[in-house]
Amino acid sequence: ESLAREIRKRTKPMVIAANKMDKPVAQENYEEIT
């Protein structure tokens, strides 16, 4: 499982678009998660 995960990270890199950040609750979640 660890090997599959690492292959995935290297071959399908990913960025998180934290959408709806114009809402205060989203901004709170963003601070906590990041």
Full PDB file with SEQRES, HELIX, SHEET, SSBOND, CRYST1, ORIGX, SCALE, CONECT and MASTER records, all heavy atoms in Angstrom:
SEQRES   1 A   34  GLU SER LEU ALA ARG GLU ILE ARG LYS ARG THR LYS PRO          
SEQRES   2 A   34  MET VAL ILE ALA ALA ASN LYS MET ASP LYS PRO VAL ALA          
SEQRES   3 A   34  GLN GLU ASN TYR GLU GLU ILE THR                              
HELIX    1 AA1 SER A    2  THR A   11  1                                  10    
HELIX    2 AA2 PRO A   24  ILE A   33  1                                  10    
CRYST1    1.000    1.000    1.000  90.00  90.00  90.00 P 1           1          
ORIGX1      1.000000  0.000000  0.000000        0.00000                         
ORIGX2      0.000000  1.000000  0.000000        0.00000                         
ORIGX3      0.000000  0.000000  1.000000        0.00000                         
SCALE1      1.000000  0.000000  0.000000        0.00000                         
SCALE2      0.000000  1.000000  0.000000        0.00000                         
SCALE3      0.000000  0.000000  1.000000        0.00000                         
ATOM      1  N   GLU A   1       0.834  -1.209   0.000  1.00  0.00           N  
ATOM      2  CA  GLU A   1       0.000   0.000   0.000  1.00  0.00           C  
ATOM      3  C   GLU A   1       0.865   1.253   0.000  1.00  0.00           C  
ATOM      4  O   GLU A   1       0.567   2.230  -0.698  1.00  0.00           O  
ATOM      5  CB  GLU A   1      -0.926  -0.003   1.221  1.00  0.00           C  
ATOM      6  CG  GLU A   1      -2.038  -1.029   1.145  1.00  0.00           C  
ATOM      7  CD  GLU A   1      -2.962  -0.983   2.355  1.00  0.00           C  
ATOM      8  OE1 GLU A   1      -2.917   0.034   3.092  1.00  0.00           O  
ATOM      9  OE2 GLU A   1      -3.717  -1.947   2.554  1.00  0.00           O  
ATOM     10  N   SER A   2       1.929   1.233   0.791  1.00  0.00           N  
ATOM     11  CA  SER A   2       2.834   2.375   0.852  1.00  0.00           C  
ATOM     12  C   SER A   2       3.512   2.609  -0.497  1.00  0.00           C  
ATOM     13  O   SER A   2       3.649   3.761  -0.947  1.00  0.00           O  
ATOM     14  CB  SER A   2       3.890   2.147   1.937  1.00  0.00           C  
ATOM     15  OG  SER A   2       4.814   3.207   1.991  1.00  0.00           O  
ATOM     16  N   LEU A   3       3.905   1.536  -1.165  1.00  0.00           N  
ATOM     17  CA  LEU A   3       4.543   1.659  -2.466  1.00  0.00           C  
ATOM     18  C   LEU A   3       3.571   2.208  -3.504  1.00  0.00           C  
ATOM     19  O   LEU A   3       3.918   3.097  -4.292  1.00  0.00           O  
ATOM     20  CB  LEU A   3       5.084   0.305  -2.907  1.00  0.00           C  
ATOM     21  CG  LEU A   3       5.784   0.253  -4.277  1.00  0.00           C  
ATOM     22  CD1 LEU A   3       6.953   1.229  -4.323  1.00  0.00           C  
ATOM     23  CD2 LEU A   3       6.236  -1.164  -4.595  1.00  0.00           C  
ATOM     24  N   ALA A   4       2.338   1.687  -3.506  1.00  0.00           N  
ATOM     25  CA  ALA A   4       1.328   2.178  -4.448  1.00  0.00           C  
ATOM     26  C   ALA A   4       1.075   3.664  -4.236  1.00  0.00           C  
ATOM     27  O   ALA A   4       0.951   4.441  -5.192  1.00  0.00           O  
ATOM     28  CB  ALA A   4       0.033   1.387  -4.278  1.00  0.00           C  
ATOM     29  N   ARG A   5       1.017   4.072  -2.964  1.00  0.00           N  
ATOM     30  CA  ARG A   5       0.768   5.480  -2.646  1.00  0.00           C  
ATOM     31  C   ARG A   5       1.904   6.371  -3.149  1.00  0.00           C  
ATOM     32  O   ARG A   5       1.676   7.439  -3.727  1.00  0.00           O  
ATOM     33  CB  ARG A   5       0.590   5.654  -1.139  1.00  0.00           C  
ATOM     34  CG  ARG A   5       0.218   7.065  -0.719  1.00  0.00           C  
ATOM     35  CD  ARG A   5      -0.004   7.154   0.790  1.00  0.00           C  
ATOM     36  NE  ARG A   5      -1.045   6.229   1.227  1.00  0.00           N  
ATOM     37  CZ  ARG A   5      -0.818   5.135   1.945  1.00  0.00           C  
ATOM     38  NH1 ARG A   5       0.420   4.842   2.347  1.00  0.00           N  
ATOM     39  NH2 ARG A   5      -1.816   4.341   2.280  1.00  0.00           N  
ATOM     40  N   GLU A   6       3.137   5.905  -2.965  1.00  0.00           N  
ATOM     41  CA  GLU A   6       4.290   6.712  -3.383  1.00  0.00           C  
ATOM     42  C   GLU A   6       4.368   6.800  -4.909  1.00  0.00           C  
ATOM     43  O   GLU A   6       4.690   7.865  -5.462  1.00  0.00           O  
ATOM     44  CB  GLU A   6       5.576   6.121  -2.816  1.00  0.00           C  
ATOM     45  CG  GLU A   6       6.806   6.980  -3.061  1.00  0.00           C  
ATOM     46  CD  GLU A   6       6.712   8.360  -2.442  1.00  0.00           C  
ATOM     47  OE1 GLU A   6       5.973   8.529  -1.437  1.00  0.00           O  
ATOM     48  OE2 GLU A   6       7.366   9.283  -2.965  1.00  0.00           O  
ATOM     49  N   ILE A   7       4.061   5.729  -5.600  1.00  0.00           N  
ATOM     50  CA  ILE A   7       4.036   5.768  -7.070  1.00  0.00           C  
ATOM     51  C   ILE A   7       2.970   6.748  -7.532  1.00  0.00           C  
ATOM     52  O   ILE A   7       3.186   7.542  -8.457  1.00  0.00           O  
ATOM     53  CB  ILE A   7       3.776   4.363  -7.654  1.00  0.00           C  
ATOM     54  CG1 ILE A   7       4.931   3.416  -7.308  1.00  0.00           C  
ATOM     55  CG2 ILE A   7       3.594   4.433  -9.168  1.00  0.00           C  
ATOM     56  CD1 ILE A   7       4.642   1.967  -7.625  1.00  0.00           C  
ATOM     57  N   ARG A   8       1.823   6.722  -6.875  1.00  0.00           N  
ATOM     58  CA  ARG A   8       0.748   7.656  -7.231  1.00  0.00           C  
ATOM     59  C   ARG A   8       1.170   9.097  -7.024  1.00  0.00           C  
ATOM     60  O   ARG A   8       0.937   9.968  -7.878  1.00  0.00           O  
ATOM     61  CB  ARG A   8      -0.499   7.329  -6.404  1.00  0.00           C  
ATOM     62  CG  ARG A   8      -1.748   8.109  -6.799  1.00  0.00           C  
ATOM     63  CD  ARG A   8      -1.935   9.370  -5.975  1.00  0.00           C  
ATOM     64  NE  ARG A   8      -2.036   9.080  -4.555  1.00  0.00           N  
ATOM     65  CZ  ARG A   8      -2.004  10.025  -3.634  1.00  0.00           C  
ATOM     66  NH1 ARG A   8      -1.845  11.291  -3.965  1.00  0.00           N  
ATOM     67  NH2 ARG A   8      -2.092   9.707  -2.339  1.00  0.00           N  
ATOM     68  N   LYS A   9       1.801   9.391  -5.907  1.00  0.00           N  
ATOM     69  CA  LYS A   9       2.232  10.763  -5.627  1.00  0.00           C  
ATOM     70  C   LYS A   9       3.205  11.267  -6.677  1.00  0.00           C  
ATOM     71  O   LYS A   9       3.184  12.436  -7.057  1.00  0.00           O  
ATOM     72  CB  LYS A   9       2.885  10.843  -4.246  1.00  0.00           C  
ATOM     73  CG  LYS A   9       1.916  10.735  -3.074  1.00  0.00           C  
ATOM     74  CD  LYS A   9       2.677  10.823  -1.756  1.00  0.00           C  
ATOM     75  CE  LYS A   9       1.749  10.734  -0.558  1.00  0.00           C  
ATOM     76  NZ  LYS A   9       2.505  10.778   0.727  1.00  0.00           N  
ATOM     77  N   ARG A  10       4.066  10.365  -7.153  1.00  0.00           N  
ATOM     78  CA  ARG A  10       5.099  10.783  -8.100  1.00  0.00           C  
ATOM     79  C   ARG A  10       4.590  10.862  -9.527  1.00  0.00           C  
ATOM     80  O   ARG A  10       5.152  11.607 -10.336  1.00  0.00           O  
ATOM     81  CB  ARG A  10       6.296   9.822  -8.031  1.00  0.00           C  
ATOM     82  CG  ARG A  10       7.003   9.831  -6.678  1.00  0.00           C  
ATOM     83  CD  ARG A  10       8.315   9.101  -6.747  1.00  0.00           C  
ATOM     84  NE  ARG A  10       8.955   8.993  -5.435  1.00  0.00           N  
ATOM     85  CZ  ARG A  10      10.259   8.855  -5.262  1.00  0.00           C  
ATOM     86  NH1 ARG A  10      11.072   8.822  -6.308  1.00  0.00           N  
ATOM     87  NH2 ARG A  10      10.771   8.745  -4.044  1.00  0.00           N  
ATOM     88  N   THR A  11       3.560  10.100  -9.857  1.00  0.00           N  
ATOM     89  CA  THR A  11       3.083  10.074 -11.246  1.00  0.00           C  
ATOM     90  C   THR A  11       1.775  10.834 -11.447  1.00  0.00           C  
ATOM     91  O   THR A  11       1.413  11.116 -12.593  1.00  0.00           O  
ATOM     92  CB  THR A  11       2.895   8.625 -11.728  1.00  0.00           C  
ATOM     93  OG1 THR A  11       1.932   7.963 -10.898  1.00  0.00           O  
ATOM     94  CG2 THR A  11       4.213   7.866 -11.688  1.00  0.00           C  
ATOM     95  N   LYS A  12       1.068  11.136 -10.379  1.00  0.00           N  
ATOM     96  CA  LYS A  12      -0.145  11.947 -10.479  1.00  0.00           C  
ATOM     97  C   LYS A  12      -0.080  13.029  -9.406  1.00  0.00           C  
ATOM     98  O   LYS A  12      -0.852  13.028  -8.440  1.00  0.00           O  
ATOM     99  CB  LYS A  12      -1.401  11.087 -10.282  1.00  0.00           C  
ATOM    100  CG  LYS A  12      -1.825  10.330 -11.524  1.00  0.00           C  
ATOM    101  CD  LYS A  12      -2.485  11.251 -12.528  1.00  0.00           C  
ATOM    102  CE  LYS A  12      -2.888  10.474 -13.790  1.00  0.00           C  
ATOM    103  NZ  LYS A  12      -1.755  10.183 -14.681  1.00  0.00           N  
ATOM    104  N   PRO A  13       0.860  13.980  -9.540  1.00  0.00           N  
ATOM    105  CA  PRO A  13       0.951  15.058  -8.544  1.00  0.00           C  
ATOM    106  C   PRO A  13      -0.345  15.851  -8.490  1.00  0.00           C  
ATOM    107  O   PRO A  13      -1.099  15.918  -9.472  1.00  0.00           O  
ATOM    108  CB  PRO A  13       2.116  15.909  -9.049  1.00  0.00           C  
ATOM    109  CG  PRO A  13       2.271  15.561 -10.494  1.00  0.00           C  
ATOM    110  CD  PRO A  13       1.834  14.141 -10.623  1.00  0.00           C  
ATOM    111  N   MET A  14      -0.616  16.435  -7.330  1.00  0.00           N  
ATOM    112  CA  MET A  14      -1.927  17.028  -7.086  1.00  0.00           C  
ATOM    113  C   MET A  14      -1.813  18.351  -6.331  1.00  0.00           C  
ATOM    114  O   MET A  14      -0.961  18.510  -5.464  1.00  0.00           O  
ATOM    115  CB  MET A  14      -2.776  16.039  -6.262  1.00  0.00           C  
ATOM    116  CG  MET A  14      -4.215  16.462  -6.044  1.00  0.00           C  
ATOM    117  SD  MET A  14      -5.082  15.330  -4.892  1.00  0.00           S  
ATOM    118  CE  MET A  14      -4.718  13.734  -5.621  1.00  0.00           C  
ATOM    119  N   VAL A  15      -2.683  19.280  -6.701  1.00  0.00           N  
ATOM    120  CA  VAL A  15      -2.838  20.556  -6.003  1.00  0.00           C  
ATOM    121  C   VAL A  15      -4.280  20.635  -5.513  1.00  0.00           C  
ATOM    122  O   VAL A  15      -5.207  20.212  -6.215  1.00  0.00           O  
ATOM    123  CB  VAL A  15      -2.527  21.735  -6.943  1.00  0.00           C  
ATOM    124  CG1 VAL A  15      -2.982  23.060  -6.354  1.00  0.00           C  
ATOM    125  CG2 VAL A  15      -1.037  21.779  -7.256  1.00  0.00           C  
ATOM    126  N   ILE A  16      -4.480  21.142  -4.312  1.00  0.00           N  
ATOM    127  CA  ILE A  16      -5.825  21.325  -3.765  1.00  0.00           C  
ATOM    128  C   ILE A  16      -6.278  22.761  -4.001  1.00  0.00           C  
ATOM    129  O   ILE A  16      -5.658  23.716  -3.523  1.00  0.00           O  
ATOM    130  CB  ILE A  16      -5.882  21.029  -2.253  1.00  0.00           C  
ATOM    131  CG1 ILE A  16      -5.350  19.619  -1.956  1.00  0.00           C  
ATOM    132  CG2 ILE A  16      -7.312  21.201  -1.730  1.00  0.00           C  
ATOM    133  CD1 ILE A  16      -6.151  18.502  -2.572  1.00  0.00           C  
ATOM    134  N   ALA A  17      -7.351  22.922  -4.776  1.00  0.00           N  
ATOM    135  CA  ALA A  17      -7.977  24.233  -4.943  1.00  0.00           C  
ATOM    136  C   ALA A  17      -9.045  24.362  -3.864  1.00  0.00           C  
ATOM    137  O   ALA A  17     -10.109  23.733  -3.937  1.00  0.00           O  
ATOM    138  CB  ALA A  17      -8.597  24.366  -6.326  1.00  0.00           C  
ATOM    139  N   ALA A  18      -8.727  25.145  -2.838  1.00  0.00           N  
ATOM    140  CA  ALA A  18      -9.650  25.318  -1.706  1.00  0.00           C  
ATOM    141  C   ALA A  18     -10.733  26.305  -2.120  1.00  0.00           C  
ATOM    142  O   ALA A  18     -10.604  27.513  -1.937  1.00  0.00           O  
ATOM    143  CB  ALA A  18      -8.880  25.817  -0.483  1.00  0.00           C  
ATOM    144  N   ASN A  19     -11.808  25.773  -2.701  1.00  0.00           N  
ATOM    145  CA  ASN A  19     -12.835  26.617  -3.315  1.00  0.00           C  
ATOM    146  C   ASN A  19     -13.819  27.184  -2.277  1.00  0.00           C  
ATOM    147  O   ASN A  19     -13.916  26.687  -1.163  1.00  0.00           O  
ATOM    148  CB  ASN A  19     -13.594  25.809  -4.370  1.00  0.00           C  
ATOM    149  CG  ASN A  19     -14.350  26.692  -5.339  1.00  0.00           C  
ATOM    150  OD1 ASN A  19     -13.956  27.833  -5.595  1.00  0.00           O  
ATOM    151  ND2 ASN A  19     -15.443  26.176  -5.882  1.00  0.00           N  
ATOM    152  N   LYS A  20     -14.509  28.219  -2.705  1.00  0.00           N  
ATOM    153  CA  LYS A  20     -15.505  28.936  -1.887  1.00  0.00           C  
ATOM    154  C   LYS A  20     -14.854  29.630  -0.693  1.00  0.00           C  
ATOM    155  O   LYS A  20     -15.461  29.774   0.376  1.00  0.00           O  
ATOM    156  CB  LYS A  20     -16.637  27.996  -1.443  1.00  0.00           C  
ATOM    157  CG  LYS A  20     -17.319  27.279  -2.622  1.00  0.00           C  
ATOM    158  CD  LYS A  20     -18.508  26.454  -2.191  1.00  0.00           C  
ATOM    159  CE  LYS A  20     -19.102  25.702  -3.377  1.00  0.00           C  
ATOM    160  NZ  LYS A  20     -20.270  24.879  -3.015  1.00  0.00           N  
ATOM    161  N   MET A  21     -13.616  30.073  -0.904  1.00  0.00           N  
ATOM    162  CA  MET A  21     -12.877  30.717   0.169  1.00  0.00           C  
ATOM    163  C   MET A  21     -13.341  32.149   0.437  1.00  0.00           C  
ATOM    164  O   MET A  21     -12.789  32.829   1.301  1.00  0.00           O  
ATOM    165  CB  MET A  21     -11.386  30.707  -0.171  1.00  0.00           C  
ATOM    166  CG  MET A  21     -10.711  29.381   0.146  1.00  0.00           C  
ATOM    167  SD  MET A  21     -10.515  29.129   1.927  1.00  0.00           S  
ATOM    168  CE  MET A  21      -9.285  30.377   2.275  1.00  0.00           C  
ATOM    169  N   ASP A  22     -14.327  32.607  -0.302  1.00  0.00           N  
ATOM    170  CA  ASP A  22     -14.905  33.915  -0.008  1.00  0.00           C  
ATOM    171  C   ASP A  22     -15.901  33.829   1.152  1.00  0.00           C  
ATOM    172  O   ASP A  22     -16.494  34.842   1.535  1.00  0.00           O  
ATOM    173  CB  ASP A  22     -15.580  34.505  -1.245  1.00  0.00           C  
ATOM    174  CG  ASP A  22     -16.452  33.498  -2.002  1.00  0.00           C  
ATOM    175  OD1 ASP A  22     -16.365  32.293  -1.706  1.00  0.00           O  
ATOM    176  OD2 ASP A  22     -17.202  33.926  -2.886  1.00  0.00           O  
ATOM    177  N   LYS A  23     -16.051  32.622   1.723  1.00  0.00           N  
ATOM    178  CA  LYS A  23     -16.948  32.445   2.868  1.00  0.00           C  
ATOM    179  C   LYS A  23     -16.127  32.301   4.151  1.00  0.00           C  
ATOM    180  O   LYS A  23     -15.129  31.561   4.173  1.00  0.00           O  
ATOM    181  CB  LYS A  23     -17.830  31.209   2.670  1.00  0.00           C  
ATOM    182  CG  LYS A  23     -18.727  31.298   1.433  1.00  0.00           C  
ATOM    183  CD  LYS A  23     -19.638  30.092   1.308  1.00  0.00           C  
ATOM    184  CE  LYS A  23     -20.553  30.233   0.093  1.00  0.00           C  
ATOM    185  NZ  LYS A  23     -21.507  29.105  -0.011  1.00  0.00           N  
ATOM    186  N   PRO A  24     -16.507  32.969   5.233  1.00  0.00           N  
ATOM    187  CA  PRO A  24     -15.726  32.929   6.476  1.00  0.00           C  
ATOM    188  C   PRO A  24     -15.472  31.517   6.999  1.00  0.00           C  
ATOM    189  O   PRO A  24     -14.368  31.217   7.473  1.00  0.00           O  
ATOM    190  CB  PRO A  24     -16.575  33.745   7.455  1.00  0.00           C  
ATOM    191  CG  PRO A  24     -17.337  34.693   6.581  1.00  0.00           C  
ATOM    192  CD  PRO A  24     -17.632  33.918   5.324  1.00  0.00           C  
ATOM    193  N   VAL A  25     -16.475  30.637   6.912  1.00  0.00           N  
ATOM    194  CA  VAL A  25     -16.283  29.281   7.431  1.00  0.00           C  
ATOM    195  C   VAL A  25     -15.219  28.545   6.638  1.00  0.00           C  
ATOM    196  O   VAL A  25     -14.448  27.737   7.185  1.00  0.00           O  
ATOM    197  CB  VAL A  25     -17.624  28.494   7.422  1.00  0.00           C  
ATOM    198  CG1 VAL A  25     -18.147  28.285   6.008  1.00  0.00           C  
ATOM    199  CG2 VAL A  25     -17.465  27.158   8.135  1.00  0.00           C  
ATOM    200  N   ALA A  26     -15.126  28.829   5.334  1.00  0.00           N  
ATOM    201  CA  ALA A  26     -14.091  28.206   4.505  1.00  0.00           C  
ATOM    202  C   ALA A  26     -12.710  28.693   4.931  1.00  0.00           C  
ATOM    203  O   ALA A  26     -11.749  27.919   4.960  1.00  0.00           O  
ATOM    204  CB  ALA A  26     -14.337  28.517   3.029  1.00  0.00           C  
ATOM    205  N   GLN A  27     -12.616  29.960   5.265  1.00  0.00           N  
ATOM    206  CA  GLN A  27     -11.334  30.514   5.699  1.00  0.00           C  
ATOM    207  C   GLN A  27     -10.889  29.890   7.015  1.00  0.00           C  
ATOM    208  O   GLN A  27      -9.693  29.614   7.222  1.00  0.00           O  
ATOM    209  CB  GLN A  27     -11.456  32.029   5.811  1.00  0.00           C  
ATOM    210  CG  GLN A  27     -11.734  32.704   4.464  1.00  0.00           C  
ATOM    211  CD  GLN A  27     -12.145  34.158   4.591  1.00  0.00           C  
ATOM    212  OE1 GLN A  27     -11.948  34.778   5.637  1.00  0.00           O  
ATOM    213  NE2 GLN A  27     -12.714  34.718   3.525  1.00  0.00           N  
ATOM    214  N   GLU A  28     -11.837  29.637   7.891  1.00  0.00           N  
ATOM    215  CA  GLU A  28     -11.511  28.971   9.156  1.00  0.00           C  
ATOM    216  C   GLU A  28     -11.004  27.548   8.899  1.00  0.00           C  
ATOM    217  O   GLU A  28     -10.019  27.105   9.502  1.00  0.00           O  
ATOM    218  CB  GLU A  28     -12.747  28.945  10.063  1.00  0.00           C  
ATOM    219  CG  GLU A  28     -13.195  30.315  10.550  1.00  0.00           C  
ATOM    220  CD  GLU A  28     -14.532  30.256  11.286  1.00  0.00           C  
ATOM    221  OE1 GLU A  28     -14.987  29.121  11.583  1.00  0.00           O  
ATOM    222  OE2 GLU A  28     -15.106  31.323  11.553  1.00  0.00           O  
ATOM    223  N   ASN A  29     -11.705  26.837   8.023  1.00  0.00           N  
ATOM    224  CA  ASN A  29     -11.283  25.478   7.687  1.00  0.00           C  
ATOM    225  C   ASN A  29      -9.894  25.472   7.052  1.00  0.00           C  
ATOM    226  O   ASN A  29      -9.068  24.590   7.320  1.00  0.00           O  
ATOM    227  CB  ASN A  29     -12.289  24.824   6.736  1.00  0.00           C  
ATOM    228  CG  ASN A  29     -13.577  24.421   7.433  1.00  0.00           C  
ATOM    229  OD1 ASN A  29     -13.591  24.140   8.625  1.00  0.00           O  
ATOM    230  ND2 ASN A  29     -14.673  24.392   6.687  1.00  0.00           N  
ATOM    231  N   TYR A  30      -9.645  26.456   6.214  1.00  0.00           N  
ATOM    232  CA  TYR A  30      -8.359  26.545   5.521  1.00  0.00           C  
ATOM    233  C   TYR A  30      -7.215  26.700   6.509  1.00  0.00           C  
ATOM    234  O   TYR A  30      -6.187  26.007   6.398  1.00  0.00           O  
ATOM    235  CB  TYR A  30      -8.391  27.723   4.542  1.00  0.00           C  
ATOM    236  CG  TYR A  30      -7.151  27.866   3.692  1.00  0.00           C  
ATOM    237  CD1 TYR A  30      -7.026  27.162   2.493  1.00  0.00           C  
ATOM    238  CD2 TYR A  30      -6.110  28.713   4.078  1.00  0.00           C  
ATOM    239  CE1 TYR A  30      -5.892  27.300   1.711  1.00  0.00           C  
ATOM    240  CE2 TYR A  30      -4.966  28.846   3.297  1.00  0.00           C  
ATOM    241  CZ  TYR A  30      -4.867  28.146   2.116  1.00  0.00           C  
ATOM    242  OH  TYR A  30      -3.743  28.279   1.338  1.00  0.00           O  
ATOM    243  N   GLU A  31      -7.381  27.586   7.461  1.00  0.00           N  
ATOM    244  CA  GLU A  31      -6.324  27.815   8.452  1.00  0.00           C  
ATOM    245  C   GLU A  31      -6.030  26.547   9.241  1.00  0.00           C  
ATOM    246  O   GLU A  31      -4.876  26.213   9.519  1.00  0.00           O  
ATOM    247  CB  GLU A  31      -6.745  28.948   9.409  1.00  0.00           C  
ATOM    248  CG  GLU A  31      -6.832  30.312   8.760  1.00  0.00           C  
ATOM    249  CD  GLU A  31      -5.504  30.781   8.192  1.00  0.00           C  
ATOM    250  OE1 GLU A  31      -4.459  30.505   8.819  1.00  0.00           O  
ATOM    251  OE2 GLU A  31      -5.504  31.409   7.115  1.00  0.00           O  
ATOM    252  N   GLU A  32      -7.093  25.815   9.575  1.00  0.00           N  
ATOM    253  CA  GLU A  32      -6.928  24.599  10.370  1.00  0.00           C  
ATOM    254  C   GLU A  32      -6.262  23.481   9.567  1.00  0.00           C  
ATOM    255  O   GLU A  32      -5.345  22.811  10.051  1.00  0.00           O  
ATOM    256  CB  GLU A  32      -8.298  24.138  10.881  1.00  0.00           C  
ATOM    257  CG  GLU A  32      -8.234  22.927  11.796  1.00  0.00           C  
ATOM    258  CD  GLU A  32      -9.606  22.526  12.330  1.00  0.00           C  
ATOM    259  OE1 GLU A  32     -10.518  23.385  12.330  1.00  0.00           O  
ATOM    260  OE2 GLU A  32      -9.757  21.360  12.728  1.00  0.00           O  
ATOM    261  N   ILE A  33      -6.715  23.292   8.338  1.00  0.00           N  
ATOM    262  CA  ILE A  33      -6.231  22.167   7.536  1.00  0.00           C  
ATOM    263  C   ILE A  33      -4.799  22.388   7.058  1.00  0.00           C  
ATOM    264  O   ILE A  33      -3.977  21.460   7.066  1.00  0.00           O  
ATOM    265  CB  ILE A  33      -7.181  21.912   6.346  1.00  0.00           C  
ATOM    266  CG1 ILE A  33      -8.546  21.427   6.876  1.00  0.00           C  
ATOM    267  CG2 ILE A  33      -6.590  20.887   5.381  1.00  0.00           C  
ATOM    268  CD1 ILE A  33      -9.629  21.370   5.830  1.00  0.00           C  
ATOM    269  N   THR A  34      -4.478  23.604   6.642  1.00  0.00           N  
ATOM    270  CA  THR A  34      -3.118  23.852   6.159  1.00  0.00           C  
ATOM    271  C   THR A  34      -2.092  23.817   7.296  1.00  0.00           C  
ATOM    272  O   THR A  34      -0.893  23.711   7.044  1.00  0.00           O  
ATOM    273  CB  THR A  34      -3.028  25.201   5.425  1.00  0.00           C  
ATOM    274  OG1 THR A  34      -3.528  26.254   6.268  1.00  0.00           O  
ATOM    275  CG2 THR A  34      -3.838  25.164   4.137  1.00  0.00           C  
TER     276      THR A  34                                                      
MASTER        0    0    0    2    0    0    0    6  275    1    0    3          
END                                                                             
